[in-house]
Amino acid sequence: MKRYYSLILPLFLGGCAMVALKPGAERIRLTKTEPGKECQYIGEVTGSQSGTFTTSNVSTDLGARNDLKNKALALGGDTVVIITDNVSSDKDGDIASIILAGNVYKCSN
């Protein structure tokens, strides 16, 4: 039985770990303001993060933003205009999940 818990518990706790920022994604700018005409539209991305009793509200929000930046980086963008943010809470008022959607642009050369 102890072996069973030692195999399952790390999977349970690690399943809700905050999404890590990939190298280079720290340069992606998040905004709610449409960019200027010098920016080229690339596509749309979504970023999400689920929270549990082991994940703080701040970590849940940051994880969703990191996921958004990672996906924008993969498309070759440098700016994401957040168009929707969906936050769901549990019965205690803690954030259960965050889903962000945004348009990706390439604004610099």
PDB file of N, CA and C in Angstrom:
ATOM      1  N   MET A   1       0.820  -1.192   0.000  1.00  0.00           N
ATOM      2  CA  MET A   1       0.000   0.000   0.000  1.00  0.00           C
ATOM      3  C   MET A   1       0.865   1.259   0.000  1.00  0.00           C
ATOM      4  N   LYS A   2       1.954   1.255   0.775  1.00  0.00           N
ATOM      5  CA  LYS A   2       2.837   2.422   0.801  1.00  0.00           C
ATOM      6  C   LYS A   2       3.431   2.684  -0.580  1.00  0.00           C
ATOM      7  N   ARG A   3       3.760   1.616  -1.267  1.00  0.00           N
ATOM      8  CA  ARG A   3       4.330   1.775  -2.601  1.00  0.00           C
ATOM      9  C   ARG A   3       3.317   2.422  -3.536  1.00  0.00           C
ATOM     10  N   TYR A   4       2.077   2.040  -3.416  1.00  0.00           N
ATOM     11  CA  TYR A   4       1.004   2.609  -4.230  1.00  0.00           C
ATOM     12  C   TYR A   4       0.929   4.120  -4.026  1.00  0.00           C
ATOM     13  N   TYR A   5       0.926   4.560  -2.789  1.00  0.00           N
ATOM     14  CA  TYR A   5       0.868   5.995  -2.496  1.00  0.00           C
ATOM     15  C   TYR A   5       2.112   6.724  -2.992  1.00  0.00           C
ATOM     16  N   SER A   6       3.263   6.082  -2.872  1.00  0.00           N
ATOM     17  CA  SER A   6       4.492   6.745  -3.316  1.00  0.00           C
ATOM     18  C   SER A   6       4.522   6.916  -4.830  1.00  0.00           C
ATOM     19  N   LEU A   7       3.771   6.123  -5.556  1.00  0.00           N
ATOM     20  CA  LEU A   7       3.692   6.267  -7.008  1.00  0.00           C
ATOM     21  C   LEU A   7       2.611   7.257  -7.429  1.00  0.00           C
ATOM     22  N   ILE A   8       1.493   7.260  -6.736  1.00  0.00           N
ATOM     23  CA  ILE A   8       0.344   8.081  -7.114  1.00  0.00           C
ATOM     24  C   ILE A   8       0.450   9.515  -6.604  1.00  0.00           C
ATOM     25  N   LEU A   9       0.907   9.708  -5.389  1.00  0.00           N
ATOM     26  CA  LEU A   9       0.932  11.046  -4.800  1.00  0.00           C
ATOM     27  C   LEU A   9       1.730  12.054  -5.630  1.00  0.00           C
ATOM     28  N   PRO A  10       2.932  11.732  -6.109  1.00  0.00           N
ATOM     29  CA  PRO A  10       3.652  12.719  -6.933  1.00  0.00           C
ATOM     30  C   PRO A  10       2.911  13.069  -8.222  1.00  0.00           C
ATOM     31  N   LEU A  11       2.214  12.111  -8.803  1.00  0.00           N
ATOM     32  CA  LEU A  11       1.431  12.398 -10.008  1.00  0.00           C
ATOM     33  C   LEU A  11       0.294  13.353  -9.695  1.00  0.00           C
ATOM     34  N   PHE A  12      -0.358  13.142  -8.568  1.00  0.00           N
ATOM     35  CA  PHE A  12      -1.468  14.004  -8.166  1.00  0.00           C
ATOM     36  C   PHE A  12      -0.993  15.422  -7.892  1.00  0.00           C
ATOM     37  N   LEU A  13       0.067  15.553  -7.119  1.00  0.00           N
ATOM     38  CA  LEU A  13       0.572  16.878  -6.760  1.00  0.00           C
ATOM     39  C   LEU A  13       1.225  17.577  -7.945  1.00  0.00           C
ATOM     40  N   GLY A  14       1.924  16.841  -8.776  1.00  0.00           N
ATOM     41  CA  GLY A  14       2.594  17.432  -9.929  1.00  0.00           C
ATOM     42  C   GLY A  14       1.656  17.759 -11.067  1.00  0.00           C
ATOM     43  N   GLY A  15       0.472  17.171 -11.078  1.00  0.00           N
ATOM     44  CA  GLY A  15      -0.477  17.403 -12.153  1.00  0.00           C
ATOM     45  C   GLY A  15      -0.970  18.830 -12.216  1.00  0.00           C
ATOM     46  N   CYS A  16      -0.869  19.564 -11.136  1.00  0.00           N
ATOM     47  CA  CYS A  16      -1.346  20.942 -11.104  1.00  0.00           C
ATOM     48  C   CYS A  16      -0.215  21.930 -10.888  1.00  0.00           C
ATOM     49  N   ALA A  17       0.990  21.514 -11.170  1.00  0.00           N
ATOM     50  CA  ALA A  17       2.123  22.426 -11.028  1.00  0.00           C
ATOM     51  C   ALA A  17       1.985  23.562 -12.031  1.00  0.00           C
ATOM     52  N   MET A  18       2.490  24.714 -11.644  1.00  0.00           N
ATOM     53  CA  MET A  18       2.411  25.888 -12.504  1.00  0.00           C
ATOM     54  C   MET A  18       3.159  25.645 -13.813  1.00  0.00           C
ATOM     55  N   VAL A  19       2.565  26.082 -14.920  1.00  0.00           N
ATOM     56  CA  VAL A  19       3.207  25.976 -16.226  1.00  0.00           C
ATOM     57  C   VAL A  19       4.483  26.819 -16.201  1.00  0.00           C
ATOM     58  N   ALA A  20       5.592  26.206 -16.563  1.00  0.00           N
ATOM     59  CA  ALA A  20       6.882  26.909 -16.567  1.00  0.00           C
ATOM     60  C   ALA A  20       7.047  27.724 -17.847  1.00  0.00           C
ATOM     61  N   LEU A  21       7.732  28.827 -17.731  1.00  0.00           N
ATOM     62  CA  LEU A  21       8.017  29.694 -18.869  1.00  0.00           C
ATOM     63  C   LEU A  21       9.206  29.125 -19.638  1.00  0.00           C
ATOM     64  N   LYS A  22       9.039  28.934 -20.955  1.00  0.00           N
ATOM     65  CA  LYS A  22      10.124  28.418 -21.787  1.00  0.00           C
ATOM     66  C   LYS A  22      11.131  29.528 -22.074  1.00  0.00           C
ATOM     67  N   PRO A  23      12.389  29.163 -22.313  1.00  0.00           N
ATOM     68  CA  PRO A  23      13.404  30.176 -22.618  1.00  0.00           C
ATOM     69  C   PRO A  23      12.984  31.029 -23.824  1.00  0.00           C
ATOM     70  N   GLY A  24      13.065  32.322 -23.670  1.00  0.00           N
ATOM     71  CA  GLY A  24      12.674  33.256 -24.719  1.00  0.00           C
ATOM     72  C   GLY A  24      11.268  33.796 -24.546  1.00  0.00           C
ATOM     73  N   ALA A  25      10.416  33.053 -23.858  1.00  0.00           N
ATOM     74  CA  ALA A  25       9.020  33.474 -23.692  1.00  0.00           C
ATOM     75  C   ALA A  25       8.880  34.662 -22.741  1.00  0.00           C
ATOM     76  N   GLU A  26       9.913  34.930 -21.949  1.00  0.00           N
ATOM     77  CA  GLU A  26       9.852  36.077 -21.035  1.00  0.00           C
ATOM     78  C   GLU A  26       9.805  37.398 -21.808  1.00  0.00           C
ATOM     79  N   ARG A  27      10.186  37.369 -23.089  1.00  0.00           N
ATOM     80  CA  ARG A  27      10.165  38.585 -23.912  1.00  0.00           C
ATOM     81  C   ARG A  27       8.799  38.850 -24.545  1.00  0.00           C
ATOM     82  N   ILE A  28       7.883  37.906 -24.434  1.00  0.00           N
ATOM     83  CA  ILE A  28       6.545  38.083 -25.003  1.00  0.00           C
ATOM     84  C   ILE A  28       5.784  39.093 -24.150  1.00  0.00           C
ATOM     85  N   ARG A  29       5.201  40.081 -24.808  1.00  0.00           N
ATOM     86  CA  ARG A  29       4.449  41.126 -24.107  1.00  0.00           C
ATOM     87  C   ARG A  29       2.968  40.769 -24.122  1.00  0.00           C
ATOM     88  N   LEU A  30       2.319  40.824 -22.953  1.00  0.00           N
ATOM     89  CA  LEU A  30       0.875  40.626 -22.839  1.00  0.00           C
ATOM     90  C   LEU A  30       0.219  41.982 -22.638  1.00  0.00           C
ATOM     91  N   THR A  31      -0.874  42.219 -23.349  1.00  0.00           N
ATOM     92  CA  THR A  31      -1.577  43.493 -23.258  1.00  0.00           C
ATOM     93  C   THR A  31      -3.056  43.275 -23.572  1.00  0.00           C
ATOM     94  N   LYS A  32      -3.865  44.264 -23.267  1.00  0.00           N
ATOM     95  CA  LYS A  32      -5.277  44.234 -23.659  1.00  0.00           C
ATOM     96  C   LYS A  32      -5.568  45.317 -24.699  1.00  0.00           C
ATOM     97  N   THR A  33      -4.508  46.003 -25.133  1.00  0.00           N
ATOM     98  CA  THR A  33      -4.629  47.078 -26.112  1.00  0.00           C
ATOM     99  C   THR A  33      -4.184  46.578 -27.484  1.00  0.00           C
ATOM    100  N   GLU A  34      -4.994  46.846 -28.506  1.00  0.00           N
ATOM    101  CA  GLU A  34      -4.630  46.445 -29.866  1.00  0.00           C
ATOM    102  C   GLU A  34      -3.330  47.126 -30.279  1.00  0.00           C
ATOM    103  N   PRO A  35      -2.446  46.393 -30.950  1.00  0.00           N
ATOM    104  CA  PRO A  35      -1.173  46.982 -31.365  1.00  0.00           C
ATOM    105  C   PRO A  35      -1.342  47.892 -32.578  1.00  0.00           C
ATOM    106  N   GLY A  36      -0.278  48.603 -32.908  1.00  0.00           N
ATOM    107  CA  GLY A  36      -0.295  49.501 -34.054  1.00  0.00           C
ATOM    108  C   GLY A  36      -0.223  48.754 -35.378  1.00  0.00           C
ATOM    109  N   LYS A  37      -0.280  49.507 -36.445  1.00  0.00           N
ATOM    110  CA  LYS A  37      -0.272  48.936 -37.796  1.00  0.00           C
ATOM    111  C   LYS A  37       1.059  48.294 -38.159  1.00  0.00           C
ATOM    112  N   GLU A  38       2.096  48.612 -37.397  1.00  0.00           N
ATOM    113  CA  GLU A  38       3.405  48.008 -37.664  1.00  0.00           C
ATOM    114  C   GLU A  38       3.453  46.535 -37.256  1.00  0.00           C
ATOM    115  N   CYS A  39       2.444  46.074 -36.538  1.00  0.00           N
ATOM    116  CA  CYS A  39       2.406  44.688 -36.063  1.00  0.00           C
ATOM    117  C   CYS A  39       1.648  43.802 -37.047  1.00  0.00           C
ATOM    118  N   GLN A  40       2.155  42.597 -37.225  1.00  0.00           N
ATOM    119  CA  GLN A  40       1.535  41.634 -38.132  1.00  0.00           C
ATOM    120  C   GLN A  40       0.821  40.557 -37.312  1.00  0.00           C
ATOM    121  N   TYR A  41      -0.465  40.338 -37.620  1.00  0.00           N
ATOM    122  CA  TYR A  41      -1.248  39.297 -36.948  1.00  0.00           C
ATOM    123  C   TYR A  41      -0.721  37.930 -37.372  1.00  0.00           C
ATOM    124  N   ILE A  42      -0.525  37.038 -36.386  1.00  0.00           N
ATOM    125  CA  ILE A  42      -0.020  35.694 -36.665  1.00  0.00           C
ATOM    126  C   ILE A  42      -1.081  34.624 -36.418  1.00  0.00           C
ATOM    127  N   GLY A  43      -1.820  34.743 -35.329  1.00  0.00           N
ATOM    128  CA  GLY A  43      -2.810  33.721 -35.008  1.00  0.00           C
ATOM    129  C   GLY A  43      -3.370  33.906 -33.613  1.00  0.00           C
ATOM    130  N   GLU A  44      -4.129  32.916 -33.180  1.00  0.00           N
ATOM    131  CA  GLU A  44      -4.761  32.959 -31.862  1.00  0.00           C
ATOM    132  C   GLU A  44      -4.220  31.825 -31.006  1.00  0.00           C
ATOM    133  N   VAL A  45      -4.069  32.100 -29.723  1.00  0.00           N
ATOM    134  CA  VAL A  45      -3.606  31.087 -28.777  1.00  0.00           C
ATOM    135  C   VAL A  45      -4.485  31.112 -27.531  1.00  0.00           C
ATOM    136  N   THR A  46      -4.498  29.996 -26.827  1.00  0.00           N
ATOM    137  CA  THR A  46      -5.146  29.931 -25.521  1.00  0.00           C
ATOM    138  C   THR A  46      -4.120  29.434 -24.512  1.00  0.00           C
ATOM    139  N   GLY A  47      -4.228  29.943 -23.315  1.00  0.00           N
ATOM    140  CA  GLY A  47      -3.372  29.506 -22.220  1.00  0.00           C
ATOM    141  C   GLY A  47      -4.245  29.156 -21.033  1.00  0.00           C
ATOM    142  N   SER A  48      -3.907  28.088 -20.348  1.00  0.00           N
ATOM    143  CA  SER A  48      -4.740  27.678 -19.221  1.00  0.00           C
ATOM    144  C   SER A  48      -3.887  27.134 -18.085  1.00  0.00           C
ATOM    145  N   GLN A  49      -4.491  27.169 -16.915  1.00  0.00           N
ATOM    146  CA  GLN A  49      -3.860  26.619 -15.711  1.00  0.00           C
ATOM    147  C   GLN A  49      -4.972  26.241 -14.749  1.00  0.00           C
ATOM    148  N   SER A  50      -4.881  25.045 -14.208  1.00  0.00           N
ATOM    149  CA  SER A  50      -5.820  24.608 -13.178  1.00  0.00           C
ATOM    150  C   SER A  50      -5.167  24.770 -11.819  1.00  0.00           C
ATOM    151  N   GLY A  51      -5.978  25.035 -10.829  1.00  0.00           N
ATOM    152  CA  GLY A  51      -5.477  25.188  -9.469  1.00  0.00           C
ATOM    153  C   GLY A  51      -6.105  24.171  -8.541  1.00  0.00           C
ATOM    154  N   THR A  52      -5.386  23.836  -7.485  1.00  0.00           N
ATOM    155  CA  THR A  52      -5.913  22.969  -6.431  1.00  0.00           C
ATOM    156  C   THR A  52      -5.472  23.558  -5.109  1.00  0.00           C
ATOM    157  N   PHE A  53      -5.676  22.808  -4.061  1.00  0.00           N
ATOM    158  CA  PHE A  53      -5.269  23.277  -2.738  1.00  0.00           C
ATOM    159  C   PHE A  53      -3.760  23.482  -2.647  1.00  0.00           C
ATOM    160  N   THR A  54      -3.002  22.922  -3.589  1.00  0.00           N
ATOM    161  CA  THR A  54      -1.545  23.088  -3.572  1.00  0.00           C
ATOM    162  C   THR A  54      -1.073  24.246  -4.453  1.00  0.00           C
ATOM    163  N   THR A  55      -1.999  24.890  -5.171  1.00  0.00           N
ATOM    164  CA  THR A  55      -1.638  25.969  -6.096  1.00  0.00           C
ATOM    165  C   THR A  55      -2.291  27.266  -5.640  1.00  0.00           C
ATOM    166  N   SER A  56      -1.505  28.309  -5.440  1.00  0.00           N
ATOM    167  CA  SER A  56      -2.066  29.600  -5.031  1.00  0.00           C
ATOM    168  C   SER A  56      -2.762  30.273  -6.208  1.00  0.00           C
ATOM    169  N   ASN A  57      -3.627  31.243  -5.901  1.00  0.00           N
ATOM    170  CA  ASN A  57      -4.303  32.001  -6.952  1.00  0.00           C
ATOM    171  C   ASN A  57      -3.299  32.704  -7.855  1.00  0.00           C
ATOM    172  N   VAL A  58      -2.246  33.244  -7.272  1.00  0.00           N
ATOM    173  CA  VAL A  58      -1.212  33.937  -8.050  1.00  0.00           C
ATOM    174  C   VAL A  58      -0.517  32.961  -8.997  1.00  0.00           C
ATOM    175  N   SER A  59      -0.197  31.770  -8.509  1.00  0.00           N
ATOM    176  CA  SER A  59       0.461  30.765  -9.348  1.00  0.00           C
ATOM    177  C   SER A  59      -0.454  30.291 -10.467  1.00  0.00           C
ATOM    178  N   THR A  60      -1.744  30.188 -10.188  1.00  0.00           N
ATOM    179  CA  THR A  60      -2.695  29.780 -11.219  1.00  0.00           C
ATOM    180  C   THR A  60      -2.741  30.825 -12.327  1.00  0.00           C
ATOM    181  N   ASP A  61      -2.810  32.098 -11.959  1.00  0.00           N
ATOM    182  CA  ASP A  61      -2.820  33.186 -12.942  1.00  0.00           C
ATOM    183  C   ASP A  61      -1.510  33.221 -13.728  1.00  0.00           C
ATOM    184  N   LEU A  62      -0.400  33.134 -13.026  1.00  0.00           N
ATOM    185  CA  LEU A  62       0.905  33.174 -13.685  1.00  0.00           C
ATOM    186  C   LEU A  62       1.094  31.981 -14.619  1.00  0.00           C
ATOM    187  N   GLY A  63       0.618  30.821 -14.206  1.00  0.00           N
ATOM    188  CA  GLY A  63       0.718  29.630 -15.050  1.00  0.00           C
ATOM    189  C   GLY A  63      -0.044  29.786 -16.357  1.00  0.00           C
ATOM    190  N   ALA A  64      -1.241  30.376 -16.299  1.00  0.00           N
ATOM    191  CA  ALA A  64      -2.029  30.609 -17.518  1.00  0.00           C
ATOM    192  C   ALA A  64      -1.322  31.606 -18.429  1.00  0.00           C
ATOM    193  N   ARG A  65      -0.747  32.641 -17.842  1.00  0.00           N
ATOM    194  CA  ARG A  65       0.000  33.636 -18.633  1.00  0.00           C
ATOM    195  C   ARG A  65       1.255  33.007 -19.246  1.00  0.00           C
ATOM    196  N   ASN A  66       1.942  32.165 -18.484  1.00  0.00           N
ATOM    197  CA  ASN A  66       3.119  31.471 -19.015  1.00  0.00           C
ATOM    198  C   ASN A  66       2.744  30.575 -20.185  1.00  0.00           C
ATOM    199  N   ASP A  67       1.627  29.862 -20.058  1.00  0.00           N
ATOM    200  CA  ASP A  67       1.159  28.985 -21.127  1.00  0.00           C
ATOM    201  C   ASP A  67       0.870  29.800 -22.387  1.00  0.00           C
ATOM    202  N   LEU A  68       0.230  30.953 -22.222  1.00  0.00           N
ATOM    203  CA  LEU A  68      -0.073  31.845 -23.343  1.00  0.00           C
ATOM    204  C   LEU A  68       1.222  32.321 -24.014  1.00  0.00           C
ATOM    205  N   LYS A  69       2.187  32.745 -23.213  1.00  0.00           N
ATOM    206  CA  LYS A  69       3.466  33.221 -23.755  1.00  0.00           C
ATOM    207  C   LYS A  69       4.224  32.107 -24.474  1.00  0.00           C
ATOM    208  N   ASN A  70       4.232  30.905 -23.902  1.00  0.00           N
ATOM    209  CA  ASN A  70       4.921  29.775 -24.535  1.00  0.00           C
ATOM    210  C   ASN A  70       4.341  29.482 -25.911  1.00  0.00           C
ATOM    211  N   LYS A  71       3.029  29.517 -26.013  1.00  0.00           N
ATOM    212  CA  LYS A  71       2.373  29.219 -27.291  1.00  0.00           C
ATOM    213  C   LYS A  71       2.597  30.341 -28.301  1.00  0.00           C
ATOM    214  N   ALA A  72       2.624  31.583 -27.835  1.00  0.00           N
ATOM    215  CA  ALA A  72       2.910  32.710 -28.730  1.00  0.00           C
ATOM    216  C   ALA A  72       4.339  32.617 -29.254  1.00  0.00           C
ATOM    217  N   LEU A  73       5.261  32.233 -28.399  1.00  0.00           N
ATOM    218  CA  LEU A  73       6.653  32.055 -28.805  1.00  0.00           C
ATOM    219  C   LEU A  73       6.758  30.992 -29.894  1.00  0.00           C
ATOM    220  N   ALA A  74       6.032  29.899 -29.729  1.00  0.00           N
ATOM    221  CA  ALA A  74       6.057  28.815 -30.714  1.00  0.00           C
ATOM    222  C   ALA A  74       5.553  29.279 -32.080  1.00  0.00           C
ATOM    223  N   LEU A  75       4.658  30.263 -32.097  1.00  0.00           N
ATOM    224  CA  LEU A  75       4.146  30.805 -33.361  1.00  0.00           C
ATOM    225  C   LEU A  75       5.061  31.879 -33.948  1.00  0.00           C
ATOM    226  N   GLY A  76       6.045  32.326 -33.183  1.00  0.00           N
ATOM    227  CA  GLY A  76       6.961  33.350 -33.661  1.00  0.00           C
ATOM    228  C   GLY A  76       6.528  34.765 -33.344  1.00  0.00           C
ATOM    229  N   GLY A  77       5.592  34.921 -32.420  1.00  0.00           N
ATOM    230  CA  GLY A  77       5.116  36.249 -32.055  1.00  0.00           C
ATOM    231  C   GLY A  77       5.907  36.863 -30.922  1.00  0.00           C
ATOM    232  N   ASP A  78       5.650  38.155 -30.693  1.00  0.00           N
ATOM    233  CA  ASP A  78       6.283  38.835 -29.566  1.00  0.00           C
ATOM    234  C   ASP A  78       5.286  39.621 -28.721  1.00  0.00           C
ATOM    235  N   THR A  79       4.029  39.648 -29.154  1.00  0.00           N
ATOM    236  CA  THR A  79       2.981  40.374 -28.437  1.00  0.00           C
ATOM    237  C   THR A  79       1.698  39.554 -28.472  1.00  0.00           C
ATOM    238  N   VAL A  80       0.999  39.496 -27.337  1.00  0.00           N
ATOM    239  CA  VAL A  80      -0.307  38.844 -27.276  1.00  0.00           C
ATOM    240  C   VAL A  80      -1.311  39.844 -26.732  1.00  0.00           C
ATOM    241  N   VAL A  81      -2.383  40.053 -27.491  1.00  0.00           N
ATOM    242  CA  VAL A  81      -3.488  40.882 -27.026  1.00  0.00           C
ATOM    243  C   VAL A  81      -4.517  39.930 -26.429  1.00  0.00           C
ATOM    244  N   ILE A  82      -4.703  40.005 -25.116  1.00  0.00           N
ATOM    245  CA  ILE A  82      -5.660  39.126 -24.441  1.00  0.00           C
ATOM    246  C   ILE A  82      -7.067  39.578 -24.805  1.00  0.00           C
ATOM    247  N   ILE A  83      -7.846  38.658 -25.390  1.00  0.00           N
ATOM    248  CA  ILE A  83      -9.199  39.010 -25.817  1.00  0.00           C
ATOM    249  C   ILE A  83     -10.268  38.459 -24.880  1.00  0.00           C
ATOM    250  N   THR A  84      -9.984  37.357 -24.219  1.00  0.00           N
ATOM    251  CA  THR A  84     -10.919  36.833 -23.215  1.00  0.00           C
ATOM    252  C   THR A  84     -10.134  36.229 -22.059  1.00  0.00           C
ATOM    253  N   ASP A  85     -10.728  36.317 -20.881  1.00  0.00           N
ATOM    254  CA  ASP A  85     -10.184  35.630 -19.717  1.00  0.00           C
ATOM    255  C   ASP A  85     -11.349  35.037 -18.943  1.00  0.00           C
ATOM    256  N   ASN A  86     -11.275  33.744 -18.763  1.00  0.00           N
ATOM    257  CA  ASN A  86     -12.330  33.004 -18.083  1.00  0.00           C
ATOM    258  C   ASN A  86     -11.746  32.430 -16.795  1.00  0.00           C
ATOM    259  N   VAL A  87     -12.253  32.907 -15.670  1.00  0.00           N
ATOM    260  CA  VAL A  87     -11.780  32.456 -14.366  1.00  0.00           C
ATOM    261  C   VAL A  87     -12.914  31.722 -13.672  1.00  0.00           C
ATOM    262  N   SER A  88     -12.670  30.492 -13.267  1.00  0.00           N
ATOM    263  CA  SER A  88     -13.671  29.757 -12.497  1.00  0.00           C
ATOM    264  C   SER A  88     -13.138  29.546 -11.086  1.00  0.00           C
ATOM    265  N   SER A  89     -14.039  29.638 -10.128  1.00  0.00           N
ATOM    266  CA  SER A  89     -13.669  29.523  -8.714  1.00  0.00           C
ATOM    267  C   SER A  89     -14.337  28.316  -8.081  1.00  0.00           C
ATOM    268  N   ASP A  90     -13.718  27.817  -7.019  1.00  0.00           N
ATOM    269  CA  ASP A  90     -14.332  26.727  -6.265  1.00  0.00           C
ATOM    270  C   ASP A  90     -15.269  27.307  -5.206  1.00  0.00           C
ATOM    271  N   LYS A  91     -15.866  26.443  -4.411  1.00  0.00           N
ATOM    272  CA  LYS A  91     -16.859  26.884  -3.419  1.00  0.00           C
ATOM    273  C   LYS A  91     -16.271  27.784  -2.336  1.00  0.00           C
ATOM    274  N   ASP A  92     -14.947  27.727  -2.152  1.00  0.00           N
ATOM    275  CA  ASP A  92     -14.287  28.571  -1.153  1.00  0.00           C
ATOM    276  C   ASP A  92     -13.823  29.913  -1.722  1.00  0.00           C
ATOM    277  N   GLY A  93     -14.049  30.127  -3.009  1.00  0.00           N
ATOM    278  CA  GLY A  93     -13.638  31.375  -3.642  1.00  0.00           C
ATOM    279  C   GLY A  93     -12.235  31.352  -4.212  1.00  0.00           C
ATOM    280  N   ASP A  94     -11.550  30.215  -4.087  1.00  0.00           N
ATOM    281  CA  ASP A  94     -10.216  30.096  -4.677  1.00  0.00           C
ATOM    282  C   ASP A  94     -10.348  29.817  -6.170  1.00  0.00           C
ATOM    283  N   ILE A  95      -9.354  30.237  -6.929  1.00  0.00           N
ATOM    284  CA  ILE A  95      -9.383  30.019  -8.373  1.00  0.00           C
ATOM    285  C   ILE A  95      -9.207  28.535  -8.664  1.00  0.00           C
ATOM    286  N   ALA A  96     -10.165  27.969  -9.408  1.00  0.00           N
ATOM    287  CA  ALA A  96     -10.089  26.569  -9.812  1.00  0.00           C
ATOM    288  C   ALA A  96      -9.368  26.433 -11.146  1.00  0.00           C
ATOM    289  N   SER A  97      -9.604  27.385 -12.049  1.00  0.00           N
ATOM    290  CA  SER A  97      -8.911  27.371 -13.335  1.00  0.00           C
ATOM    291  C   SER A  97      -9.004  28.738 -14.001  1.00  0.00           C
ATOM    292  N   ILE A  98      -8.056  28.985 -14.868  1.00  0.00           N
ATOM    293  CA  ILE A  98      -8.034  30.206 -15.670  1.00  0.00           C
ATOM    294  C   ILE A  98      -7.760  29.800 -17.108  1.00  0.00           C
ATOM    295  N   ILE A  99      -8.560  30.346 -18.023  1.00  0.00           N
ATOM    296  CA  ILE A  99      -8.331  30.146 -19.452  1.00  0.00           C
ATOM    297  C   ILE A  99      -8.246  31.523 -20.093  1.00  0.00           C
ATOM    298  N   LEU A 100      -7.135  31.800 -20.743  1.00  0.00           N
ATOM    299  CA  LEU A 100      -6.927  33.063 -21.442  1.00  0.00           C
ATOM    300  C   LEU A 100      -6.875  32.785 -22.941  1.00  0.00           C
ATOM    301  N   ALA A 101      -7.449  33.674 -23.732  1.00  0.00           N
ATOM    302  CA  ALA A 101      -7.343  33.584 -25.189  1.00  0.00           C
ATOM    303  C   ALA A 101      -6.804  34.907 -25.692  1.00  0.00           C
ATOM    304  N   GLY A 102      -5.958  34.840 -26.689  1.00  0.00           N
ATOM    305  CA  GLY A 102      -5.379  36.071 -27.207  1.00  0.00           C
ATOM    306  C   GLY A 102      -4.954  35.966 -28.653  1.00  0.00           C
ATOM    307  N   ASN A 103      -4.821  37.128 -29.277  1.00  0.00           N
ATOM    308  CA  ASN A 103      -4.309  37.228 -30.639  1.00  0.00           C
ATOM    309  C   ASN A 103      -2.814  37.495 -30.577  1.00  0.00           C
ATOM    310  N   VAL A 104      -2.066  36.755 -31.381  1.00  0.00           N
ATOM    311  CA  VAL A 104      -0.611  36.863 -31.400  1.00  0.00           C
ATOM    312  C   VAL A 104      -0.179  37.756 -32.563  1.00  0.00           C
ATOM    313  N   TYR A 105       0.759  38.654 -32.267  1.00  0.00           N
ATOM    314  CA  TYR A 105       1.300  39.573 -33.270  1.00  0.00           C
ATOM    315  C   TYR A 105       2.821  39.539 -33.243  1.00  0.00           C
ATOM    316  N   LYS A 106       3.406  39.873 -34.377  1.00  0.00           N
ATOM    317  CA  LYS A 106       4.850  40.095 -34.485  1.00  0.00           C
ATOM    318  C   LYS A 106       5.012  41.590 -34.702  1.00  0.00           C
ATOM    319  N   CYS A 107       5.580  42.272 -33.697  1.00  0.00           N
ATOM    320  CA  CYS A 107       5.682  43.734 -33.746  1.00  0.00           C
ATOM    321  C   CYS A 107       7.099  44.243 -33.938  1.00  0.00           C
ATOM    322  N   SER A 108       8.106  43.422 -33.684  1.00  0.00           N
ATOM    323  CA  SER A 108       9.491  43.871 -33.850  1.00  0.00           C
ATOM    324  C   SER A 108      10.189  43.004 -34.885  1.00  0.00           C
ATOM    325  N   ASN A 109      11.288  43.489 -35.399  1.00  0.00           N
ATOM    326  CA  ASN A 109      12.039  42.742 -36.424  1.00  0.00           C
ATOM    327  C   ASN A 109      13.046  41.827 -35.816  1.00  0.00           C
TER     328      ASN A 109
END
